[in-house]
């Protein structure tokens, strides 16, 4: 309604995101018996953590794209940090929070506009997100998290390969995909048939994509 300027709005949004994250952690640690609608008490911390992550993404995006108060580089770093943090803390909350963080991380470069993309930084960021995801899957298996990583990493590899980025960027991403697939197979242990198919997909995706890129370019 025009009562608050952009700075105050962003500050209120950031405060809300931090407060919700703190509430999620307090409820999780104290195991408070709270029930809201169909959510059981053990689900509340994960729901609140998810709200905090979405709010954080919203504040960072608004600060850059809506109000122009931070640069594209700062927005990219802030949103990337939020997404990676959500991935890591999903170990103590729920895999669903990890999926939210993974989605936000892979979408961050789309949300931050730039007239001259830094493909090297983008390649390193995508590789970092994928490596963190596979490391988390080794610690706490999640089919959704693993499938999202395979799709997201492959998608970014293709986009970078058919852009004006140096060929070394897409080549590096293909090597990272093969490396994390090998890492994942080493720590797979006893998994279900669905997990086995995902492991195979993780190996096959960079090989097929690499062949298509090599023939086309």
Protein backbone atom coordinates (compact mmCIF):
# COMPACT_ATOMS: atom_id res chain seq x y z
CA UNK A 1 0.00 0.00 0.00
CA UNK A 2 3.02 2.28 -0.20
CA UNK A 3 3.69 2.48 3.56
CA UNK A 4 7.10 0.83 3.27
CA UNK A 5 9.90 1.35 0.78
CA UNK A 6 11.83 -1.44 -1.01
CA UNK A 7 14.56 -1.60 1.64
CA UNK A 8 12.10 -2.10 4.50
CA UNK A 9 10.12 -4.66 2.50
CA UNK A 10 13.23 -6.71 1.80
CA UNK A 11 14.35 -6.45 5.42
CA UNK A 12 10.95 -7.65 6.62
CA UNK A 13 11.05 -10.55 4.15
CA UNK A 14 14.56 -11.55 5.22
CA UNK A 15 13.59 -11.32 8.89
CA UNK A 16 10.57 -13.51 8.26
CA UNK A 17 12.71 -16.13 6.47
CA UNK A 18 15.25 -16.24 9.32
CA UNK A 19 12.53 -16.32 12.00
CA UNK A 20 10.74 -19.23 10.30
CA UNK A 21 14.05 -21.12 9.98
CA UNK A 22 14.73 -20.54 13.69
CA UNK A 23 11.24 -21.74 14.59
CA UNK A 24 11.75 -24.89 12.52
CA UNK A 25 14.99 -25.67 14.33
CA UNK A 26 13.53 -24.98 17.78
CA UNK A 27 10.56 -27.27 17.13
CA UNK A 28 12.83 -29.98 15.70
CA UNK A 29 15.28 -29.91 18.62
CA UNK A 30 12.65 -29.77 21.33
CA UNK A 31 10.38 -32.24 19.54
CA UNK A 32 7.33 -30.14 20.36
CA UNK A 33 4.01 -31.91 19.98
CA UNK A 34 2.38 -29.67 17.38
CA UNK A 35 -0.30 -30.72 14.93
CA UNK A 36 -1.61 -28.45 12.19
CA UNK A 37 -4.31 -29.88 9.95
CA UNK A 38 -3.10 -33.14 8.40
CA UNK A 39 0.56 -32.49 9.29
CA UNK A 40 1.95 -34.55 12.15
CA UNK A 41 4.33 -32.97 14.65
CA UNK A 42 7.41 -34.45 12.98
CA UNK A 43 6.43 -32.86 9.64
CA UNK A 44 6.11 -29.29 10.93
CA UNK A 45 9.86 -28.48 11.08
CA UNK A 46 10.36 -29.60 7.47
CA UNK A 47 7.36 -27.57 6.30
CA UNK A 48 8.62 -24.46 8.11
CA UNK A 49 12.13 -24.98 6.74
CA UNK A 50 10.66 -25.20 3.24
CA UNK A 51 8.78 -21.94 3.79
CA UNK A 52 12.02 -20.32 4.92
CA UNK A 53 13.88 -21.49 1.81
CA UNK A 54 11.15 -20.24 -0.55
CA UNK A 55 11.01 -16.93 1.32
CA UNK A 56 14.78 -16.55 1.08
CA UNK A 57 14.71 -17.17 -2.67
CA UNK A 58 11.89 -14.64 -3.00
CA UNK A 59 13.78 -11.93 -1.10
CA UNK A 60 16.98 -12.46 -3.09
CA UNK A 61 15.10 -12.48 -6.39
CA UNK A 62 13.11 -9.36 -5.51
CA UNK A 63 16.24 -7.51 -4.38
CA UNK A 64 17.78 -8.09 -7.82
CA UNK A 65 15.02 -8.41 -10.41
CA UNK A 66 12.26 -6.26 -8.89
CA UNK A 67 14.09 -3.48 -7.01
CA UNK A 68 17.57 -3.63 -8.54
CA UNK A 69 19.24 -3.19 -5.15
CA UNK A 70 21.87 -5.90 -5.60
CA UNK A 71 23.92 -6.95 -8.61
CA UNK A 72 23.37 -10.12 -10.62
CA UNK A 73 26.55 -11.60 -9.13
CA UNK A 74 25.37 -10.96 -5.56
CA UNK A 75 21.92 -12.39 -6.33
CA UNK A 76 23.47 -15.46 -7.93
CA UNK A 77 25.72 -16.06 -4.93
CA UNK A 78 22.94 -15.50 -2.40
CA UNK A 79 20.39 -17.73 -4.13
CA UNK A 80 23.01 -20.40 -4.74
CA UNK A 81 23.96 -20.35 -1.05
CA UNK A 82 20.31 -20.72 -0.04
CA UNK A 83 19.80 -23.67 -2.39
CA UNK A 84 22.97 -25.46 -1.27
CA UNK A 85 22.11 -24.83 2.39
CA UNK A 86 18.69 -26.39 1.86
CA UNK A 87 20.37 -29.42 0.33
CA UNK A 88 22.72 -29.86 3.28
CA UNK A 89 20.17 -29.34 6.07
CA UNK A 90 17.82 -31.83 4.39
CA UNK A 91 19.96 -34.45 6.15
CA UNK A 92 18.33 -33.50 9.45
CA UNK A 93 14.92 -32.48 8.11
CA UNK A 94 13.55 -34.40 5.13
CA UNK A 95 14.52 -35.34 1.55
CA UNK A 96 11.66 -33.11 0.34
CA UNK A 97 13.59 -30.07 1.57
CA UNK A 98 16.61 -31.32 -0.38
CA UNK A 99 14.53 -31.54 -3.55
CA UNK A 100 13.36 -27.96 -2.98
CA UNK A 101 16.95 -26.82 -2.54
CA UNK A 102 18.05 -28.75 -5.63
CA UNK A 103 15.29 -27.22 -7.74
CA UNK A 104 16.11 -23.74 -6.50
CA UNK A 105 19.82 -24.22 -7.12
CA UNK A 106 19.42 -25.41 -10.70
CA UNK A 107 16.89 -22.63 -11.43
CA UNK A 108 18.98 -19.84 -9.89
CA UNK A 109 20.94 -19.04 -13.11
CA UNK A 110 17.62 -18.68 -14.98
CA UNK A 111 16.33 -16.21 -12.41
CA UNK A 112 19.42 -14.00 -12.44
CA UNK A 113 19.79 -12.13 -15.72
CA UNK A 114 23.14 -11.05 -17.11
CA UNK A 115 24.14 -9.44 -20.39
CA UNK A 116 27.45 -11.34 -20.41
CA UNK A 117 27.11 -14.74 -18.71
CA UNK A 118 30.12 -16.07 -16.81
CA UNK A 119 30.15 -19.63 -18.14
CA UNK A 120 33.11 -20.70 -16.02
CA UNK A 121 31.36 -19.65 -12.80
CA UNK A 122 28.14 -21.28 -14.00
CA UNK A 123 29.96 -24.53 -14.78
CA UNK A 124 31.59 -24.59 -11.35
CA UNK A 125 28.28 -23.82 -9.64
CA UNK A 126 26.36 -26.58 -11.47
CA UNK A 127 29.17 -29.04 -10.72
CA UNK A 128 29.12 -28.09 -7.03
CA UNK A 129 25.35 -28.58 -6.78
CA UNK A 130 25.59 -32.00 -8.44
CA UNK A 131 28.51 -33.14 -6.28
CA UNK A 132 26.74 -32.07 -3.09
CA UNK A 133 23.59 -33.89 -4.18
CA UNK A 134 25.39 -37.17 -4.83
CA UNK A 135 27.28 -36.88 -1.53
CA UNK A 136 23.98 -36.37 0.30
CA UNK A 137 22.44 -39.33 -1.52
CA UNK A 138 25.34 -41.50 -0.34
CA UNK A 139 24.59 -40.41 3.23
CA UNK A 140 20.79 -40.45 3.01
CA UNK A 141 19.42 -42.14 -0.14
CA UNK A 142 16.67 -40.29 -1.99
CA UNK A 143 15.44 -41.39 -5.42
CA UNK A 144 13.86 -37.99 -6.10
CA UNK A 145 17.04 -36.14 -5.22
CA UNK A 146 19.18 -38.43 -7.38
CA UNK A 147 16.81 -38.29 -10.35
CA UNK A 148 16.60 -34.51 -10.11
CA UNK A 149 20.37 -34.24 -10.09
CA UNK A 150 20.76 -36.42 -13.20
CA UNK A 151 18.12 -34.42 -15.08
CA UNK A 152 19.33 -31.02 -13.90
CA UNK A 153 23.01 -31.67 -14.56
CA UNK A 154 22.30 -33.13 -17.99
CA UNK A 155 20.04 -30.21 -18.86
CA UNK A 156 22.64 -27.62 -17.93
CA UNK A 157 25.36 -29.55 -19.77
CA UNK A 158 23.25 -29.47 -22.95
CA UNK A 159 22.39 -25.78 -22.57
CA UNK A 160 26.03 -24.83 -22.06
CA UNK A 161 27.21 -27.08 -24.91
CA UNK A 162 24.88 -25.40 -27.41
CA UNK A 163 25.60 -21.87 -26.24
CA UNK A 164 28.59 -19.69 -27.00
CA UNK A 165 30.46 -21.08 -23.99
CA UNK A 166 33.96 -22.55 -24.46
CA UNK A 167 33.78 -26.32 -25.23
CA UNK A 168 35.84 -27.01 -22.12
CA UNK A 169 32.85 -26.08 -19.94
CA UNK A 170 30.51 -28.76 -21.28
CA UNK A 171 33.39 -31.26 -21.37
CA UNK A 172 34.11 -30.58 -17.70
CA UNK A 173 30.43 -31.09 -16.82
CA UNK A 174 30.40 -34.43 -18.64
CA UNK A 175 33.49 -35.55 -16.70
CA UNK A 176 31.90 -34.44 -13.43
CA UNK A 177 28.75 -36.42 -14.25
CA UNK A 178 30.80 -39.57 -14.92
CA UNK A 179 32.82 -39.05 -11.73
CA UNK A 180 29.82 -38.59 -9.43
CA UNK A 181 28.06 -41.57 -11.05
CA UNK A 182 31.10 -43.70 -10.20
CA UNK A 183 31.17 -42.25 -6.69
CA UNK A 184 27.50 -43.03 -6.26
CA UNK A 185 27.95 -46.61 -7.41
CA UNK A 186 30.76 -47.12 -4.90
CA UNK A 187 28.57 -46.04 -1.99
CA UNK A 188 25.30 -47.48 -3.27
CA UNK A 189 25.17 -50.48 -0.95
CA UNK A 190 21.92 -52.40 -0.93
CA UNK A 191 19.36 -50.42 -2.91
CA UNK A 192 16.01 -51.08 -4.54
CA UNK A 193 15.49 -51.83 -8.23
CA UNK A 194 14.43 -48.22 -8.82
CA UNK A 195 17.68 -46.97 -7.31
CA UNK A 196 19.63 -49.34 -9.53
CA UNK A 197 17.92 -47.94 -12.61
CA UNK A 198 18.75 -44.42 -11.48
CA UNK A 199 22.41 -45.42 -11.06
CA UNK A 200 22.42 -46.78 -14.61
CA UNK A 201 20.80 -43.57 -15.85
CA UNK A 202 23.49 -41.55 -14.07
CA UNK A 203 26.16 -43.44 -16.05
CA UNK A 204 24.32 -43.48 -19.38
CA UNK A 205 23.25 -39.80 -19.44
CA UNK A 206 26.74 -38.25 -19.83
CA UNK A 207 27.80 -40.91 -22.35
CA UNK A 208 24.77 -40.40 -24.59
CA UNK A 209 24.82 -36.63 -24.19
CA UNK A 210 28.56 -36.50 -24.87
CA UNK A 211 28.08 -38.51 -28.08
CA UNK A 212 25.29 -36.23 -29.29
CA UNK A 213 27.33 -33.10 -28.56
CA UNK A 214 30.43 -34.54 -30.27
CA UNK A 215 28.51 -35.48 -33.44
CA UNK A 216 26.66 -32.17 -33.62
CA UNK A 217 29.64 -29.92 -32.95
